[in-house]
Amino acid sequence: MKKSALLIVLILFSSTFSFSQRRRTPTTVKWISIAAKAGVGNSYFFNTDHLNDPNVELDFFTLSHSFGGRLTFTYGDHLGFGSDLLFSTYNESYSIRNNDIVFYKDIRLNTLDIMPFFRYTGYNTSYFEIGAKISLLRSTEETFSGTEQFPPSVNA
């Protein structure tokens, strides 16, 4: 009797759980994903004049950082689109040596980066994204220093 009752309970539970995995009506899955993003890295402004000048010494290790978020709308199992919004800071430092005089320059750019994208997710959960990047310059800071004080230039 106990074995029969146990068997009936197991069949009842297994049939209930097996139907929960089946889609009842053909509906399209839709969802919205919101995420926070942050990053730290190295920034370098490419300038061929600086690369070809033997008097210029570049600092190739200038930190940059960004923070913001991502909003993605997914339609169905495979298609999605969204946008990243990042507040970023990029830096560059270099020095110019002319005989015994050394000139230092530090540049900092603060930007708002908007990156809209389209995403396709494959059947094995790998995905492909394609999109654009729009950078809006919010502010620029330049710091000049050196081993000598230079007189201010006068524009004629």
C-alpha atoms as a PDB file:
ATOM      1  CA  MET A   1       0.000   0.000   0.000  1.00  0.00           C
ATOM      2  CA  LYS A   2       2.826   2.400   0.894  1.00  0.00           C
ATOM      3  CA  LYS A   3       4.616   1.598  -2.358  1.00  0.00           C
ATOM      4  CA  SER A   4       1.451   2.267  -4.383  1.00  0.00           C
ATOM      5  CA  ALA A   5       0.841   5.614  -2.645  1.00  0.00           C
ATOM      6  CA  LEU A   6       4.483   6.613  -3.182  1.00  0.00           C
ATOM      7  CA  LEU A   7       4.279   5.653  -6.860  1.00  0.00           C
ATOM      8  CA  ILE A   8       1.088   7.690  -7.365  1.00  0.00           C
ATOM      9  CA  VAL A   9       2.658  10.746  -5.657  1.00  0.00           C
ATOM     10  CA  LEU A  10       5.823  10.468  -7.813  1.00  0.00           C
ATOM     11  CA  ILE A  11       3.777  10.209 -11.028  1.00  0.00           C
ATOM     12  CA  LEU A  12       1.635  13.168  -9.971  1.00  0.00           C
ATOM     13  CA  PHE A  13       4.701  15.354  -9.243  1.00  0.00           C
ATOM     14  CA  SER A  14       6.591  14.305 -12.376  1.00  0.00           C
ATOM     15  CA  SER A  15       3.624  15.038 -14.649  1.00  0.00           C
ATOM     16  CA  THR A  16       3.152  18.465 -13.024  1.00  0.00           C
ATOM     17  CA  PHE A  17       6.817  19.404 -13.456  1.00  0.00           C
ATOM     18  CA  SER A  18       7.023  18.116 -17.015  1.00  0.00           C
ATOM     19  CA  PHE A  19       4.128  20.352 -18.110  1.00  0.00           C
ATOM     20  CA  SER A  20       5.753  23.406 -16.516  1.00  0.00           C
ATOM     21  CA  GLN A  21       8.598  23.224 -19.062  1.00  0.00           C
ATOM     22  CA  ARG A  22       6.274  23.288 -22.052  1.00  0.00           C
ATOM     23  CA  ARG A  23       5.179  26.585 -23.628  1.00  0.00           C
ATOM     24  CA  ARG A  24       1.401  26.714 -23.528  1.00  0.00           C
ATOM     25  CA  THR A  25       0.809  29.273 -26.285  1.00  0.00           C
ATOM     26  CA  PRO A  26       3.156  30.466 -28.998  1.00  0.00           C
ATOM     27  CA  THR A  27       4.188  33.844 -27.526  1.00  0.00           C
ATOM     28  CA  THR A  28       7.210  35.987 -28.237  1.00  0.00           C
ATOM     29  CA  VAL A  29       9.611  36.453 -25.357  1.00  0.00           C
ATOM     30  CA  LYS A  30      10.333  40.122 -24.635  1.00  0.00           C
ATOM     31  CA  TRP A  31      12.416  41.617 -21.873  1.00  0.00           C
ATOM     32  CA  ILE A  32      14.345  44.705 -20.878  1.00  0.00           C
ATOM     33  CA  SER A  33      17.833  44.453 -19.414  1.00  0.00           C
ATOM     34  CA  ILE A  34      19.426  47.260 -17.376  1.00  0.00           C
ATOM     35  CA  ALA A  35      23.074  47.030 -16.313  1.00  0.00           C
ATOM     36  CA  ALA A  36      25.751  49.211 -14.753  1.00  0.00           C
ATOM     37  CA  LYS A  37      29.146  49.483 -16.461  1.00  0.00           C
ATOM     38  CA  ALA A  38      32.561  50.736 -15.401  1.00  0.00           C
ATOM     39  CA  GLY A  39      36.035  50.432 -16.855  1.00  0.00           C
ATOM     40  CA  VAL A  40      39.651  51.425 -16.381  1.00  0.00           C
ATOM     41  CA  GLY A  41      42.289  51.327 -19.081  1.00  0.00           C
ATOM     42  CA  ASN A  42      45.105  53.052 -20.872  1.00  0.00           C
ATOM     43  CA  SER A  43      44.569  55.912 -23.305  1.00  0.00           C
ATOM     44  CA  TYR A  44      46.879  57.214 -26.004  1.00  0.00           C
ATOM     45  CA  PHE A  45      46.193  59.921 -28.581  1.00  0.00           C
ATOM     46  CA  PHE A  46      47.769  58.984 -31.891  1.00  0.00           C
ATOM     47  CA  ASN A  47      49.789  61.851 -33.390  1.00  0.00           C
ATOM     48  CA  THR A  48      52.279  61.107 -36.181  1.00  0.00           C
ATOM     49  CA  ASP A  49      54.174  64.366 -35.514  1.00  0.00           C
ATOM     50  CA  HIS A  50      54.951  63.157 -32.002  1.00  0.00           C
ATOM     51  CA  LEU A  51      55.954  59.693 -33.182  1.00  0.00           C
ATOM     52  CA  ASN A  52      58.415  61.020 -35.771  1.00  0.00           C
ATOM     53  CA  ASP A  53      59.982  63.697 -33.541  1.00  0.00           C
ATOM     54  CA  PRO A  54      63.032  62.392 -31.598  1.00  0.00           C
ATOM     55  CA  ASN A  55      62.665  65.235 -29.046  1.00  0.00           C
ATOM     56  CA  VAL A  56      59.221  64.101 -27.935  1.00  0.00           C
ATOM     57  CA  GLU A  57      58.939  61.536 -25.159  1.00  0.00           C
ATOM     58  CA  LEU A  58      55.483  60.004 -24.817  1.00  0.00           C
ATOM     59  CA  ASP A  59      54.086  58.553 -21.614  1.00  0.00           C
ATOM     60  CA  PHE A  60      52.348  55.417 -22.875  1.00  0.00           C
ATOM     61  CA  PHE A  61      50.802  54.655 -19.466  1.00  0.00           C
ATOM     62  CA  THR A  62      48.096  57.257 -18.838  1.00  0.00           C
ATOM     63  CA  LEU A  63      44.986  55.930 -17.140  1.00  0.00           C
ATOM     64  CA  SER A  64      41.508  56.510 -18.433  1.00  0.00           C
ATOM     65  CA  HIS A  65      38.221  55.493 -16.842  1.00  0.00           C
ATOM     66  CA  SER A  66      34.530  55.358 -17.629  1.00  0.00           C
ATOM     67  CA  PHE A  67      31.274  54.608 -15.859  1.00  0.00           C
ATOM     68  CA  GLY A  68      27.653  54.468 -16.921  1.00  0.00           C
ATOM     69  CA  GLY A  69      25.028  51.944 -17.893  1.00  0.00           C
ATOM     70  CA  ARG A  70      23.400  49.817 -20.564  1.00  0.00           C
ATOM     71  CA  LEU A  71      19.769  49.461 -21.558  1.00  0.00           C
ATOM     72  CA  THR A  72      18.851  46.559 -23.844  1.00  0.00           C
ATOM     73  CA  PHE A  73      15.465  45.558 -25.236  1.00  0.00           C
ATOM     74  CA  THR A  74      15.285  41.953 -26.426  1.00  0.00           C
ATOM     75  CA  TYR A  75      12.529  40.809 -28.761  1.00  0.00           C
ATOM     76  CA  GLY A  76      12.182  37.067 -29.169  1.00  0.00           C
ATOM     77  CA  ASP A  77      14.924  34.624 -28.399  1.00  0.00           C
ATOM     78  CA  HIS A  78      17.537  36.055 -30.749  1.00  0.00           C
ATOM     79  CA  LEU A  79      17.084  39.756 -31.600  1.00  0.00           C
ATOM     80  CA  GLY A  80      17.844  42.753 -29.418  1.00  0.00           C
ATOM     81  CA  PHE A  81      18.844  46.388 -29.550  1.00  0.00           C
ATOM     82  CA  GLY A  82      19.988  48.860 -26.969  1.00  0.00           C
ATOM     83  CA  SER A  83      22.455  51.541 -26.030  1.00  0.00           C
ATOM     84  CA  ASP A  84      25.388  52.131 -23.694  1.00  0.00           C
ATOM     85  CA  LEU A  85      25.790  55.516 -22.035  1.00  0.00           C
ATOM     86  CA  LEU A  86      29.249  56.151 -20.559  1.00  0.00           C
ATOM     87  CA  PHE A  87      30.881  59.147 -18.885  1.00  0.00           C
ATOM     88  CA  SER A  88      34.548  58.780 -19.863  1.00  0.00           C
ATOM     89  CA  THR A  89      37.860  60.488 -19.111  1.00  0.00           C
ATOM     90  CA  TYR A  90      40.857  60.093 -21.443  1.00  0.00           C
ATOM     91  CA  ASN A  91      44.390  61.332 -20.623  1.00  0.00           C
ATOM     92  CA  GLU A  92      47.689  61.843 -22.414  1.00  0.00           C
ATOM     93  CA  SER A  93      51.068  63.085 -21.144  1.00  0.00           C
ATOM     94  CA  TYR A  94      54.204  63.883 -23.088  1.00  0.00           C
ATOM     95  CA  SER A  95      57.347  65.987 -22.862  1.00  0.00           C
ATOM     96  CA  ILE A  96      59.393  67.854 -25.465  1.00  0.00           C
ATOM     97  CA  ARG A  97      63.107  68.295 -24.910  1.00  0.00           C
ATOM     98  CA  ASN A  98      65.043  71.073 -26.649  1.00  0.00           C
ATOM     99  CA  ASN A  99      68.649  71.211 -25.425  1.00  0.00           C
ATOM    100  CA  ASP A 100      68.328  71.775 -21.652  1.00  0.00           C
ATOM    101  CA  ILE A 101      64.741  73.009 -21.735  1.00  0.00           C
ATOM    102  CA  VAL A 102      61.965  70.469 -21.116  1.00  0.00           C
ATOM    103  CA  PHE A 103      58.301  71.222 -21.810  1.00  0.00           C
ATOM    104  CA  TYR A 104      55.579  68.994 -20.258  1.00  0.00           C
ATOM    105  CA  LYS A 105      51.992  68.767 -21.416  1.00  0.00           C
ATOM    106  CA  ASP A 106      49.074  66.854 -19.895  1.00  0.00           C
ATOM    107  CA  ILE A 107      45.737  66.625 -21.707  1.00  0.00           C
ATOM    108  CA  ARG A 108      42.461  65.398 -20.208  1.00  0.00           C
ATOM    109  CA  LEU A 109      39.256  64.934 -22.213  1.00  0.00           C
ATOM    110  CA  ASN A 110      35.893  64.335 -20.535  1.00  0.00           C
ATOM    111  CA  THR A 111      33.305  62.867 -22.884  1.00  0.00           C
ATOM    112  CA  LEU A 112      29.811  61.469 -22.955  1.00  0.00           C
ATOM    113  CA  ASP A 113      29.891  58.291 -25.077  1.00  0.00           C
ATOM    114  CA  ILE A 114      26.643  56.982 -26.561  1.00  0.00           C
ATOM    115  CA  MET A 115      26.863  53.569 -28.240  1.00  0.00           C
ATOM    116  CA  PRO A 116      23.659  52.261 -29.864  1.00  0.00           C
ATOM    117  CA  PHE A 117      23.866  48.641 -31.008  1.00  0.00           C
ATOM    118  CA  PHE A 118      21.982  45.722 -32.533  1.00  0.00           C
ATOM    119  CA  ARG A 119      22.493  42.237 -31.065  1.00  0.00           C
ATOM    120  CA  TYR A 120      21.848  38.796 -32.518  1.00  0.00           C
ATOM    121  CA  THR A 121      22.080  35.866 -30.108  1.00  0.00           C
ATOM    122  CA  GLY A 122      22.724  32.440 -31.635  1.00  0.00           C
ATOM    123  CA  TYR A 123      21.311  29.108 -30.590  1.00  0.00           C
ATOM    124  CA  ASN A 124      24.373  28.231 -28.488  1.00  0.00           C
ATOM    125  CA  THR A 125      24.184  31.546 -26.505  1.00  0.00           C
ATOM    126  CA  SER A 126      27.023  33.180 -28.433  1.00  0.00           C
ATOM    127  CA  TYR A 127      26.108  36.627 -29.715  1.00  0.00           C
ATOM    128  CA  PHE A 128      27.127  39.228 -32.303  1.00  0.00           C
ATOM    129  CA  GLU A 129      26.769  42.984 -31.773  1.00  0.00           C
ATOM    130  CA  ILE A 130      27.170  45.783 -34.277  1.00  0.00           C
ATOM    131  CA  GLY A 131      26.724  49.467 -33.626  1.00  0.00           C
ATOM    132  CA  ALA A 132      28.147  52.964 -33.599  1.00  0.00           C
ATOM    133  CA  LYS A 133      29.874  55.203 -31.073  1.00  0.00           C
ATOM    134  CA  ILE A 134      28.981  58.853 -30.654  1.00  0.00           C
ATOM    135  CA  SER A 135      31.294  60.868 -28.390  1.00  0.00           C
ATOM    136  CA  LEU A 136      30.263  64.296 -27.158  1.00  0.00           C
ATOM    137  CA  LEU A 137      33.124  66.369 -25.725  1.00  0.00           C
ATOM    138  CA  ARG A 138      32.070  67.720 -22.316  1.00  0.00           C
ATOM    139  CA  SER A 139      35.314  69.442 -21.243  1.00  0.00           C
ATOM    140  CA  THR A 140      39.026  69.694 -21.993  1.00  0.00           C
ATOM    141  CA  GLU A 141      41.842  70.387 -19.549  1.00  0.00           C
ATOM    142  CA  GLU A 142      45.440  71.119 -20.543  1.00  0.00           C
ATOM    143  CA  THR A 143      48.314  71.528 -18.118  1.00  0.00           C
ATOM    144  CA  PHE A 144      51.584  73.090 -19.248  1.00  0.00           C
ATOM    145  CA  SER A 145      54.801  73.069 -17.249  1.00  0.00           C
ATOM    146  CA  GLY A 146      58.512  73.106 -17.918  1.00  0.00           C
ATOM    147  CA  THR A 147      62.003  73.761 -16.654  1.00  0.00           C
ATOM    148  CA  GLU A 148      61.815  77.446 -17.734  1.00  0.00           C
ATOM    149  CA  GLN A 149      59.095  80.044 -17.823  1.00  0.00           C
ATOM    150  CA  PHE A 150      58.197  81.088 -21.348  1.00  0.00           C
ATOM    151  CA  PRO A 151      56.928  84.590 -22.053  1.00  0.00           C
ATOM    152  CA  PRO A 152      53.286  84.676 -23.205  1.00  0.00           C
ATOM    153  CA  SER A 153      52.910  84.845 -26.955  1.00  0.00           C
ATOM    154  CA  VAL A 154      51.203  87.835 -28.505  1.00  0.00           C
ATOM    155  CA  ASN A 155      49.007  87.301 -31.528  1.00  0.00           C
ATOM    156  CA  ALA A 156      49.493  90.117 -33.987  1.00  0.00           C
END
